[in-house]
Amino acid sequence: MKDPNSGLKQVITEFLNAVMLFEAYLQSGALPYERSPQRKAHRNGTRSRTLKTRVGELTLNKPQFREFPFESSVFERYCRVEQALLMTIAESYIQGVSTRKMEELVKNFGLNRLSASEVSRLCKILDEKVEEFLKRPIEVKIRYLLVDATYFKVRCGAQYKNRALLVVVGVREDGLREILGASIAESEDSGYW
């Protein structure tokens, strides 16, 4: 039986190849074989590059230059989407979604398998992003501070326990609210703030 997505895969492949050709034109300053004083680089063929999408794996022709590397938003955009997907999977794992449900989720997004080491790596990246957010400098004046806590069930080893998520929100001079800090504690007693 023929792949039901083959037509869509072909259309997406042609479109993304056309996008990269246009990007190559913009970066090089000229069409292939065109003599132009605006030329910044010369083409050096293409390189096959695969891209995993929801319709399957696509094989694209990525242009190359002699003078400098070709940069394409095609791969950057899909990498950001894939990274967001993987972070969502990691967050689901942290929240206690079962391994079986995780594997179903992974298959629905066209990924074959997500190993425990991959989840661990993603959790580490997620922790780094949160840490970076919490340690960022506060660059605007804060008129008011709002301090509150809400409770969630959190997995602690093999058990689930109620834990307080302590949140500090700053109200800026322009009226917008901004999360300034957050941490998980056993309760919202003053000793944990």
N, C-alpha and C. Protein backbone atom coordinates (compact mmCIF):
# COMPACT_ATOMS: atom_id res chain seq x y z
N MET A 1 0.84 -1.19 0.00
CA MET A 1 0.00 0.00 0.00
C MET A 1 0.88 1.24 0.00
N LYS A 2 0.50 2.19 -0.79
CA LYS A 2 1.25 3.44 -0.92
C LYS A 2 1.07 4.30 0.33
N ASP A 3 2.14 5.02 0.70
CA ASP A 3 2.10 5.91 1.87
C ASP A 3 1.05 7.00 1.64
N PRO A 4 0.04 7.14 2.52
CA PRO A 4 -1.01 8.15 2.32
C PRO A 4 -0.47 9.58 2.42
N ASN A 5 0.69 9.76 3.04
CA ASN A 5 1.26 11.10 3.17
C ASN A 5 2.25 11.44 2.07
N SER A 6 2.46 10.53 1.09
CA SER A 6 3.51 10.75 0.10
C SER A 6 3.28 12.02 -0.72
N GLY A 7 2.04 12.30 -1.09
CA GLY A 7 1.76 13.52 -1.85
C GLY A 7 2.06 14.77 -1.04
N LEU A 8 1.63 14.76 0.21
CA LEU A 8 1.87 15.90 1.09
C LEU A 8 3.37 16.06 1.36
N LYS A 9 4.07 14.93 1.55
CA LYS A 9 5.51 14.98 1.77
C LYS A 9 6.22 15.62 0.58
N GLN A 10 5.79 15.26 -0.63
CA GLN A 10 6.41 15.80 -1.84
C GLN A 10 6.17 17.31 -1.94
N VAL A 11 4.96 17.76 -1.65
CA VAL A 11 4.64 19.19 -1.71
C VAL A 11 5.45 19.96 -0.68
N ILE A 12 5.52 19.45 0.55
CA ILE A 12 6.27 20.14 1.60
C ILE A 12 7.76 20.16 1.26
N THR A 13 8.28 19.05 0.72
CA THR A 13 9.69 18.99 0.33
C THR A 13 9.99 20.04 -0.73
N GLU A 14 9.16 20.12 -1.77
CA GLU A 14 9.38 21.11 -2.84
C GLU A 14 9.31 22.54 -2.29
N PHE A 15 8.34 22.78 -1.42
CA PHE A 15 8.18 24.11 -0.86
C PHE A 15 9.40 24.51 -0.02
N LEU A 16 9.85 23.61 0.86
CA LEU A 16 10.99 23.93 1.72
C LEU A 16 12.28 24.06 0.91
N ASN A 17 12.44 23.26 -0.15
CA ASN A 17 13.60 23.43 -1.04
C ASN A 17 13.56 24.79 -1.72
N ALA A 18 12.36 25.23 -2.14
CA ALA A 18 12.22 26.55 -2.77
C ALA A 18 12.54 27.66 -1.77
N VAL A 19 12.11 27.51 -0.53
CA VAL A 19 12.42 28.50 0.51
C VAL A 19 13.93 28.61 0.68
N MET A 20 14.62 27.46 0.72
CA MET A 20 16.08 27.49 0.90
C MET A 20 16.78 28.10 -0.31
N LEU A 21 16.27 27.85 -1.53
CA LEU A 21 16.87 28.48 -2.71
C LEU A 21 16.73 29.99 -2.65
N PHE A 22 15.57 30.46 -2.20
CA PHE A 22 15.37 31.91 -2.06
C PHE A 22 16.29 32.48 -0.99
N GLU A 23 16.44 31.77 0.13
CA GLU A 23 17.35 32.21 1.18
C GLU A 23 18.79 32.25 0.66
N ALA A 24 19.15 31.27 -0.17
CA ALA A 24 20.50 31.25 -0.76
C ALA A 24 20.71 32.45 -1.66
N TYR A 25 19.68 32.80 -2.43
CA TYR A 25 19.76 33.99 -3.29
C TYR A 25 19.97 35.24 -2.44
N LEU A 26 19.21 35.38 -1.35
CA LEU A 26 19.35 36.56 -0.49
C LEU A 26 20.72 36.62 0.17
N GLN A 27 21.24 35.47 0.60
CA GLN A 27 22.53 35.46 1.28
C GLN A 27 23.71 35.66 0.33
N SER A 28 23.59 35.11 -0.89
CA SER A 28 24.70 35.23 -1.85
C SER A 28 24.65 36.54 -2.63
N GLY A 29 23.46 37.11 -2.75
CA GLY A 29 23.32 38.37 -3.49
C GLY A 29 23.15 38.19 -4.99
N ALA A 30 23.02 36.94 -5.46
CA ALA A 30 22.87 36.70 -6.89
C ALA A 30 22.28 35.31 -7.13
N LEU A 31 21.70 35.15 -8.32
CA LEU A 31 21.18 33.84 -8.72
C LEU A 31 22.35 32.95 -9.12
N PRO A 32 22.14 31.63 -9.21
CA PRO A 32 23.23 30.77 -9.67
C PRO A 32 23.70 31.18 -11.07
N TYR A 33 25.00 31.21 -11.29
CA TYR A 33 25.65 31.54 -12.56
C TYR A 33 25.44 32.99 -12.99
N GLU A 34 24.83 33.81 -12.15
CA GLU A 34 24.61 35.22 -12.48
C GLU A 34 25.85 36.02 -12.09
N ARG A 35 26.32 36.87 -13.03
CA ARG A 35 27.44 37.77 -12.72
C ARG A 35 26.84 39.04 -12.16
N SER A 36 27.26 39.38 -10.96
CA SER A 36 26.68 40.55 -10.30
C SER A 36 27.69 41.15 -9.33
N PRO A 37 27.78 42.49 -9.31
CA PRO A 37 28.69 43.12 -8.33
C PRO A 37 28.17 42.96 -6.89
N GLN A 38 26.90 42.61 -6.72
CA GLN A 38 26.34 42.42 -5.38
C GLN A 38 26.62 41.02 -4.81
N ARG A 39 27.23 40.16 -5.64
CA ARG A 39 27.48 38.78 -5.20
C ARG A 39 28.42 38.76 -4.00
N LYS A 40 28.00 38.05 -2.94
CA LYS A 40 28.81 37.91 -1.73
C LYS A 40 29.41 36.52 -1.61
N ALA A 41 28.82 35.56 -2.32
CA ALA A 41 29.29 34.18 -2.21
C ALA A 41 28.95 33.41 -3.49
N HIS A 42 29.68 32.33 -3.70
CA HIS A 42 29.45 31.45 -4.84
C HIS A 42 28.88 30.13 -4.35
N ARG A 43 27.95 29.59 -5.14
CA ARG A 43 27.33 28.32 -4.78
C ARG A 43 28.34 27.19 -4.87
N ASN A 44 28.14 26.20 -4.05
CA ASN A 44 29.00 25.03 -4.06
C ASN A 44 28.14 23.77 -3.95
N GLY A 45 27.10 23.70 -4.79
CA GLY A 45 26.23 22.54 -4.81
C GLY A 45 25.25 22.51 -3.65
N THR A 46 24.72 21.32 -3.40
CA THR A 46 23.78 21.12 -2.30
C THR A 46 24.21 19.91 -1.49
N ARG A 47 23.65 19.80 -0.32
CA ARG A 47 23.90 18.66 0.55
C ARG A 47 22.55 18.13 1.00
N SER A 48 22.37 16.83 0.94
CA SER A 48 21.11 16.23 1.40
C SER A 48 21.03 16.33 2.91
N ARG A 49 19.88 16.74 3.37
CA ARG A 49 19.67 16.88 4.82
C ARG A 49 18.27 16.39 5.12
N THR A 50 18.12 15.57 6.13
CA THR A 50 16.80 15.06 6.48
C THR A 50 16.16 15.93 7.54
N LEU A 51 14.86 15.99 7.49
CA LEU A 51 14.09 16.77 8.45
C LEU A 51 12.88 15.94 8.84
N LYS A 52 12.72 15.68 10.13
CA LYS A 52 11.57 14.90 10.61
C LYS A 52 10.40 15.84 10.84
N THR A 53 9.27 15.50 10.24
CA THR A 53 8.05 16.30 10.39
C THR A 53 6.91 15.36 10.77
N ARG A 54 5.73 15.92 10.97
CA ARG A 54 4.59 15.10 11.35
C ARG A 54 4.13 14.19 10.21
N VAL A 55 4.50 14.51 8.96
CA VAL A 55 4.12 13.65 7.84
C VAL A 55 5.22 12.65 7.50
N GLY A 56 6.28 12.65 8.26
CA GLY A 56 7.38 11.71 8.02
C GLY A 56 8.69 12.44 7.79
N GLU A 57 9.70 11.67 7.45
CA GLU A 57 11.03 12.22 7.24
C GLU A 57 11.16 12.75 5.81
N LEU A 58 11.59 14.00 5.69
CA LEU A 58 11.79 14.63 4.38
C LEU A 58 13.28 14.70 4.08
N THR A 59 13.64 14.53 2.81
CA THR A 59 15.03 14.71 2.39
C THR A 59 15.08 16.00 1.58
N LEU A 60 15.80 16.98 2.13
CA LEU A 60 15.88 18.30 1.50
C LEU A 60 17.26 18.53 0.91
N ASN A 61 17.34 19.44 -0.07
CA ASN A 61 18.60 19.82 -0.70
C ASN A 61 19.04 21.16 -0.14
N LYS A 62 19.96 21.12 0.80
CA LYS A 62 20.43 22.35 1.45
C LYS A 62 21.56 22.95 0.63
N PRO A 63 21.40 24.19 0.12
CA PRO A 63 22.47 24.83 -0.65
C PRO A 63 23.73 25.03 0.18
N GLN A 64 24.87 25.07 -0.51
CA GLN A 64 26.14 25.34 0.16
C GLN A 64 26.86 26.46 -0.58
N PHE A 65 27.67 27.21 0.17
CA PHE A 65 28.50 28.27 -0.39
C PHE A 65 29.96 27.92 -0.18
N ARG A 66 30.83 28.48 -1.02
CA ARG A 66 32.27 28.29 -0.83
C ARG A 66 32.80 29.18 0.29
N GLU A 67 32.30 30.42 0.37
CA GLU A 67 32.89 31.43 1.24
C GLU A 67 32.45 31.34 2.71
N PHE A 68 31.22 30.95 2.95
CA PHE A 68 30.71 30.88 4.33
C PHE A 68 29.57 29.88 4.39
N PRO A 69 29.23 29.42 5.59
CA PRO A 69 28.14 28.44 5.71
C PRO A 69 26.77 29.04 5.38
N PHE A 70 25.94 28.24 4.75
CA PHE A 70 24.57 28.64 4.44
C PHE A 70 23.72 28.50 5.70
N GLU A 71 22.97 29.54 6.04
CA GLU A 71 22.07 29.53 7.19
C GLU A 71 20.63 29.51 6.69
N SER A 72 19.83 28.60 7.23
CA SER A 72 18.43 28.49 6.79
C SER A 72 17.48 28.53 7.97
N SER A 73 16.42 29.29 7.82
CA SER A 73 15.39 29.33 8.86
C SER A 73 14.54 28.07 8.85
N VAL A 74 14.60 27.30 7.76
CA VAL A 74 13.80 26.07 7.66
C VAL A 74 14.14 25.13 8.81
N PHE A 75 15.42 24.87 9.02
CA PHE A 75 15.82 23.93 10.06
C PHE A 75 15.69 24.56 11.44
N GLU A 76 15.96 25.86 11.55
CA GLU A 76 15.84 26.54 12.84
C GLU A 76 14.41 26.48 13.36
N ARG A 77 13.44 26.77 12.49
CA ARG A 77 12.03 26.76 12.92
C ARG A 77 11.60 25.37 13.37
N TYR A 78 11.94 24.35 12.55
CA TYR A 78 11.55 23.00 12.93
C TYR A 78 12.27 22.54 14.19
N CYS A 79 13.52 22.98 14.37
CA CYS A 79 14.26 22.62 15.59
C CYS A 79 13.59 23.24 16.81
N ARG A 80 13.11 24.50 16.68
CA ARG A 80 12.44 25.13 17.81
C ARG A 80 11.15 24.40 18.14
N VAL A 81 10.39 24.01 17.11
CA VAL A 81 9.15 23.27 17.34
C VAL A 81 9.46 21.93 17.99
N GLU A 82 10.48 21.24 17.46
CA GLU A 82 10.85 19.95 18.03
C GLU A 82 11.34 20.11 19.46
N GLN A 83 12.12 21.15 19.71
CA GLN A 83 12.63 21.40 21.07
C GLN A 83 11.46 21.65 22.02
N ALA A 84 10.47 22.45 21.57
CA ALA A 84 9.30 22.72 22.41
C ALA A 84 8.54 21.42 22.69
N LEU A 85 8.42 20.58 21.67
CA LEU A 85 7.75 19.29 21.85
C LEU A 85 8.49 18.43 22.87
N LEU A 86 9.81 18.36 22.75
CA LEU A 86 10.59 17.54 23.67
C LEU A 86 10.51 18.09 25.09
N MET A 87 10.47 19.41 25.23
CA MET A 87 10.33 20.01 26.57
C MET A 87 8.96 19.66 27.16
N THR A 88 7.93 19.64 26.32
CA THR A 88 6.60 19.26 26.78
C THR A 88 6.60 17.81 27.25
N ILE A 89 7.28 16.96 26.51
CA ILE A 89 7.39 15.56 26.90
C ILE A 89 8.12 15.45 28.24
N ALA A 90 9.21 16.19 28.39
CA ALA A 90 9.97 16.16 29.65
C ALA A 90 9.10 16.64 30.80
N GLU A 91 8.35 17.72 30.57
CA GLU A 91 7.48 18.25 31.62
C GLU A 91 6.40 17.22 31.99
N SER A 92 5.86 16.52 30.98
CA SER A 92 4.86 15.48 31.25
C SER A 92 5.46 14.38 32.12
N TYR A 93 6.70 14.03 31.82
CA TYR A 93 7.39 13.00 32.61
C TYR A 93 7.55 13.46 34.06
N ILE A 94 7.96 14.71 34.23
CA ILE A 94 8.15 15.26 35.57
C ILE A 94 6.83 15.24 36.34
N GLN A 95 5.72 15.52 35.64
CA GLN A 95 4.41 15.56 36.29
C GLN A 95 3.87 14.17 36.61
N GLY A 96 4.59 13.13 36.19
CA GLY A 96 4.20 11.78 36.57
C GLY A 96 3.38 11.02 35.55
N VAL A 97 3.40 11.46 34.28
CA VAL A 97 2.69 10.72 33.25
C VAL A 97 3.40 9.37 33.09
N SER A 98 2.63 8.29 32.96
CA SER A 98 3.22 6.95 32.89
C SER A 98 4.07 6.79 31.65
N THR A 99 5.01 5.84 31.72
CA THR A 99 5.92 5.57 30.60
C THR A 99 5.13 5.15 29.37
N ARG A 100 4.09 4.32 29.55
CA ARG A 100 3.28 3.87 28.43
C ARG A 100 2.61 5.06 27.73
N LYS A 101 2.04 5.97 28.53
CA LYS A 101 1.39 7.15 27.95
C LYS A 101 2.42 8.05 27.27
N MET A 102 3.62 8.11 27.84
CA MET A 102 4.69 8.91 27.24
C MET A 102 5.05 8.35 25.87
N GLU A 103 5.16 7.02 25.77
CA GLU A 103 5.50 6.41 24.49
C GLU A 103 4.40 6.64 23.46
N GLU A 104 3.12 6.60 23.89
CA GLU A 104 2.02 6.90 22.98
C GLU A 104 2.11 8.34 22.49
N LEU A 105 2.41 9.25 23.41
CA LEU A 105 2.55 10.66 23.06
C LEU A 105 3.67 10.85 22.05
N VAL A 106 4.79 10.19 22.30
CA VAL A 106 5.95 10.30 21.41
C VAL A 106 5.60 9.78 20.02
N LYS A 107 4.90 8.64 19.94
CA LYS A 107 4.52 8.07 18.64
C LYS A 107 3.58 8.99 17.88
N ASN A 108 2.66 9.66 18.59
CA ASN A 108 1.72 10.58 17.93
C ASN A 108 2.43 11.74 17.26
N PHE A 109 3.61 12.09 17.77
CA PHE A 109 4.35 13.20 17.18
C PHE A 109 5.42 12.73 16.19
N GLY A 110 5.38 11.46 15.84
CA GLY A 110 6.29 10.96 14.81
C GLY A 110 7.68 10.61 15.30
N LEU A 111 7.89 10.57 16.60
CA LEU A 111 9.19 10.16 17.13
C LEU A 111 9.11 8.69 17.48
N ASN A 112 10.17 7.97 17.22
CA ASN A 112 10.14 6.52 17.45
C ASN A 112 10.12 6.16 18.92
N ARG A 113 11.03 6.76 19.68
CA ARG A 113 11.16 6.35 21.07
C ARG A 113 11.89 7.46 21.82
N LEU A 114 11.59 7.59 23.08
CA LEU A 114 12.28 8.56 23.92
C LEU A 114 12.86 7.79 25.10
N SER A 115 14.18 7.69 25.12
CA SER A 115 14.83 6.88 26.16
C SER A 115 14.85 7.63 27.49
N ALA A 116 15.11 6.89 28.55
CA ALA A 116 15.20 7.49 29.89
C ALA A 116 16.34 8.50 29.93
N SER A 117 17.44 8.21 29.25
CA SER A 117 18.57 9.16 29.24
C SER A 117 18.20 10.44 28.50
N GLU A 118 17.39 10.31 27.45
CA GLU A 118 16.94 11.50 26.70
C GLU A 118 16.02 12.34 27.58
N VAL A 119 15.11 11.70 28.31
CA VAL A 119 14.24 12.43 29.24
C VAL A 119 15.08 13.12 30.30
N SER A 120 16.08 12.43 30.81
CA SER A 120 16.97 13.02 31.82
C SER A 120 17.69 14.24 31.27
N ARG A 121 18.17 14.13 30.04
CA ARG A 121 18.87 15.26 29.40
C ARG A 121 17.92 16.44 29.22
N LEU A 122 16.69 16.15 28.80
CA LEU A 122 15.70 17.22 28.61
C LEU A 122 15.33 17.87 29.93
N CYS A 123 15.22 17.07 30.98
CA CYS A 123 14.92 17.63 32.30
C CYS A 123 16.04 18.54 32.76
N LYS A 124 17.27 18.17 32.46
CA LYS A 124 18.41 19.01 32.83
C LYS A 124 18.34 20.35 32.10
N ILE A 125 18.00 20.30 30.80
CA ILE A 125 17.86 21.54 30.02
C ILE A 125 16.73 22.38 30.59
N LEU A 126 15.61 21.72 30.93
CA LEU A 126 14.47 22.42 31.51
C LEU A 126 14.86 23.08 32.83
N ASP A 127 15.60 22.37 33.68
CA ASP A 127 16.08 22.93 34.94
C ASP A 127 16.96 24.15 34.71
N GLU A 128 17.84 24.07 33.70
CA GLU A 128 18.73 25.20 33.39
C GLU A 128 17.93 26.42 32.95
N LYS A 129 16.89 26.20 32.13
CA LYS A 129 16.06 27.32 31.66
C LYS A 129 15.33 27.98 32.83
N VAL A 130 14.80 27.17 33.74
CA VAL A 130 14.10 27.72 34.91
C VAL A 130 15.09 28.49 35.77
N GLU A 131 16.26 27.92 36.00
CA GLU A 131 17.29 28.58 36.82
C GLU A 131 17.70 29.91 36.19
N GLU A 132 17.87 29.90 34.87
CA GLU A 132 18.22 31.14 34.15
C GLU A 132 17.13 32.19 34.32
N PHE A 133 15.86 31.76 34.24
CA PHE A 133 14.74 32.68 34.41
C PHE A 133 14.73 33.27 35.82
N LEU A 134 14.93 32.41 36.82
CA LEU A 134 14.85 32.87 38.21
C LEU A 134 16.02 33.77 38.60
N LYS A 135 17.14 33.65 37.92
CA LYS A 135 18.32 34.45 38.26
C LYS A 135 18.51 35.66 37.35
N ARG A 136 17.54 35.91 36.47
CA ARG A 136 17.68 37.05 35.56
C ARG A 136 17.62 38.35 36.35
N PRO A 137 18.28 39.40 35.85
CA PRO A 137 18.23 40.68 36.56
C PRO A 137 16.85 41.35 36.39
N ILE A 138 16.41 42.05 37.42
CA ILE A 138 15.15 42.80 37.34
C ILE A 138 15.53 44.19 36.88
N GLU A 139 15.12 44.55 35.66
CA GLU A 139 15.59 45.77 35.02
C GLU A 139 14.60 46.91 35.05
N VAL A 140 13.43 46.70 35.65
CA VAL A 140 12.43 47.77 35.71
C VAL A 140 12.07 48.01 37.17
N LYS A 141 11.53 49.19 37.44
CA LYS A 141 11.11 49.49 38.81
C LYS A 141 9.82 48.73 39.12
N ILE A 142 9.78 48.18 40.32
CA ILE A 142 8.62 47.43 40.78
C ILE A 142 7.89 48.27 41.82
N ARG A 143 6.61 48.53 41.56
CA ARG A 143 5.82 49.36 42.46
C ARG A 143 5.29 48.55 43.65
N TYR A 144 4.79 47.33 43.37
CA TYR A 144 4.21 46.49 44.42
C TYR A 144 4.73 45.06 44.26
N LEU A 145 4.78 44.36 45.37
CA LEU A 145 5.09 42.94 45.36
C LEU A 145 3.87 42.16 45.82
N LEU A 146 3.55 41.11 45.10
CA LEU A 146 2.47 40.20 45.50
C LEU A 146 3.12 38.85 45.79
N VAL A 147 2.86 38.32 46.96
CA VAL A 147 3.45 37.06 47.38
C VAL A 147 2.32 36.08 47.65
N ASP A 148 2.39 34.91 47.02
CA ASP A 148 1.31 33.94 47.20
C ASP A 148 1.86 32.53 47.01
N ALA A 149 1.05 31.57 47.36
CA ALA A 149 1.42 30.17 47.18
C ALA A 149 0.20 29.40 46.72
N THR A 150 0.44 28.37 45.97
CA THR A 150 -0.61 27.44 45.58
C THR A 150 -0.04 26.04 45.73
N TYR A 151 -0.91 25.08 45.97
CA TYR A 151 -0.45 23.72 46.27
C TYR A 151 -0.67 22.79 45.09
N PHE A 152 0.31 21.92 44.88
CA PHE A 152 0.26 20.90 43.83
C PHE A 152 0.71 19.57 44.41
N LYS A 153 0.24 18.51 43.79
CA LYS A 153 0.77 17.19 44.13
C LYS A 153 2.05 17.02 43.32
N VAL A 154 3.13 16.71 44.04
CA VAL A 154 4.44 16.58 43.41
C VAL A 154 4.97 15.19 43.70
N ARG A 155 5.58 14.58 42.69
CA ARG A 155 6.15 13.25 42.88
C ARG A 155 7.46 13.38 43.64
N CYS A 156 7.55 12.70 44.76
CA CYS A 156 8.77 12.64 45.59
C CYS A 156 9.16 11.17 45.68
N GLY A 157 10.06 10.74 44.83
CA GLY A 157 10.40 9.32 44.78
C GLY A 157 9.23 8.53 44.24
N ALA A 158 8.71 7.59 45.04
CA ALA A 158 7.58 6.77 44.61
C ALA A 158 6.24 7.31 45.10
N GLN A 159 6.27 8.40 45.88
CA GLN A 159 5.04 8.95 46.46
C GLN A 159 4.71 10.31 45.85
N TYR A 160 3.44 10.68 46.02
CA TYR A 160 3.00 12.02 45.66
C TYR A 160 2.68 12.77 46.95
N LYS A 161 3.22 13.99 47.06
CA LYS A 161 2.99 14.79 48.26
C LYS A 161 2.53 16.18 47.85
N ASN A 162 1.73 16.81 48.73
CA ASN A 162 1.34 18.20 48.50
C ASN A 162 2.52 19.10 48.80
N ARG A 163 2.84 19.97 47.84
CA ARG A 163 3.92 20.93 48.01
C ARG A 163 3.41 22.31 47.60
N ALA A 164 3.95 23.33 48.24
CA ALA A 164 3.56 24.71 47.93
C ALA A 164 4.47 25.27 46.85
N LEU A 165 3.88 25.88 45.85
CA LEU A 165 4.64 26.63 44.86
C LEU A 165 4.56 28.09 45.30
N LEU A 166 5.68 28.60 45.80
CA LEU A 166 5.76 29.98 46.28
C LEU A 166 6.09 30.87 45.10
N VAL A 167 5.28 31.91 44.89
CA VAL A 167 5.47 32.79 43.74
C VAL A 167 5.50 34.24 44.20
N VAL A 168 6.46 34.99 43.66
CA VAL A 168 6.54 36.44 43.92
C VAL A 168 6.30 37.14 42.59
N VAL A 169 5.28 37.99 42.56
CA VAL A 169 4.92 38.75 41.36
C VAL A 169 5.16 40.22 41.65
N GLY A 170 5.81 40.90 40.71
CA GLY A 170 6.02 42.33 40.84
C GLY A 170 5.08 43.08 39.92
N VAL A 171 4.49 44.16 40.42
CA VAL A 171 3.66 45.03 39.59
C VAL A 171 4.55 46.20 39.18
N ARG A 172 4.80 46.31 37.88
CA ARG A 172 5.68 47.37 37.38
C ARG A 172 4.96 48.71 37.38
N GLU A 173 5.72 49.77 37.14
CA GLU A 173 5.13 51.12 37.13
C GLU A 173 4.10 51.29 36.03
N ASP A 174 4.25 50.54 34.93
CA ASP A 174 3.28 50.63 33.84
C ASP A 174 2.06 49.74 34.08
N GLY A 175 1.99 49.07 35.24
CA GLY A 175 0.84 48.26 35.61
C GLY A 175 0.93 46.79 35.23
N LEU A 176 1.92 46.43 34.43
CA LEU A 176 2.06 45.03 34.03
C LEU A 176 2.64 44.21 35.18
N ARG A 177 2.22 42.97 35.25
CA ARG A 177 2.72 42.06 36.28
C ARG A 177 3.79 41.15 35.69
N GLU A 178 4.78 40.88 36.51
CA GLU A 178 5.89 40.06 36.06
C GLU A 178 6.28 39.10 37.19
N ILE A 179 6.44 37.83 36.85
CA ILE A 179 6.89 36.87 37.87
C ILE A 179 8.36 37.14 38.15
N LEU A 180 8.67 37.39 39.41
CA LEU A 180 10.04 37.71 39.81
C LEU A 180 10.76 36.49 40.36
N GLY A 181 10.02 35.57 40.95
CA GLY A 181 10.66 34.39 41.51
C GLY A 181 9.65 33.33 41.86
N ALA A 182 10.13 32.11 42.00
CA ALA A 182 9.26 31.00 42.38
C ALA A 182 10.12 29.88 42.95
N SER A 183 9.55 29.15 43.87
CA SER A 183 10.24 27.97 44.40
C SER A 183 9.21 27.02 45.00
N ILE A 184 9.61 25.77 45.13
CA ILE A 184 8.74 24.76 45.72
C ILE A 184 9.19 24.54 47.15
N ALA A 185 8.22 24.51 48.07
CA ALA A 185 8.53 24.32 49.49
C ALA A 185 7.50 23.38 50.10
N GLU A 186 7.78 22.92 51.32
CA GLU A 186 6.84 22.02 52.00
C GLU A 186 5.55 22.72 52.38
N SER A 187 5.64 24.02 52.69
CA SER A 187 4.43 24.79 53.02
C SER A 187 4.71 26.26 52.73
N GLU A 188 3.71 27.10 52.99
CA GLU A 188 3.90 28.53 52.76
C GLU A 188 4.22 29.28 54.05
N ASP A 189 4.70 28.57 55.06
CA ASP A 189 5.13 29.23 56.30
C ASP A 189 6.23 30.23 56.01
N SER A 190 6.34 31.22 56.87
CA SER A 190 7.31 32.31 56.66
C SER A 190 8.75 31.81 56.57
N GLY A 191 9.06 30.70 57.21
CA GLY A 191 10.41 30.16 57.17
C GLY A 191 10.85 29.74 55.77
N TYR A 192 9.91 29.44 54.89
CA TYR A 192 10.24 28.99 53.54
C TYR A 192 10.39 30.14 52.55
N TRP A 193 9.91 31.32 52.92
CA TRP A 193 10.02 32.46 52.01
C TRP A 193 11.43 32.99 52.03
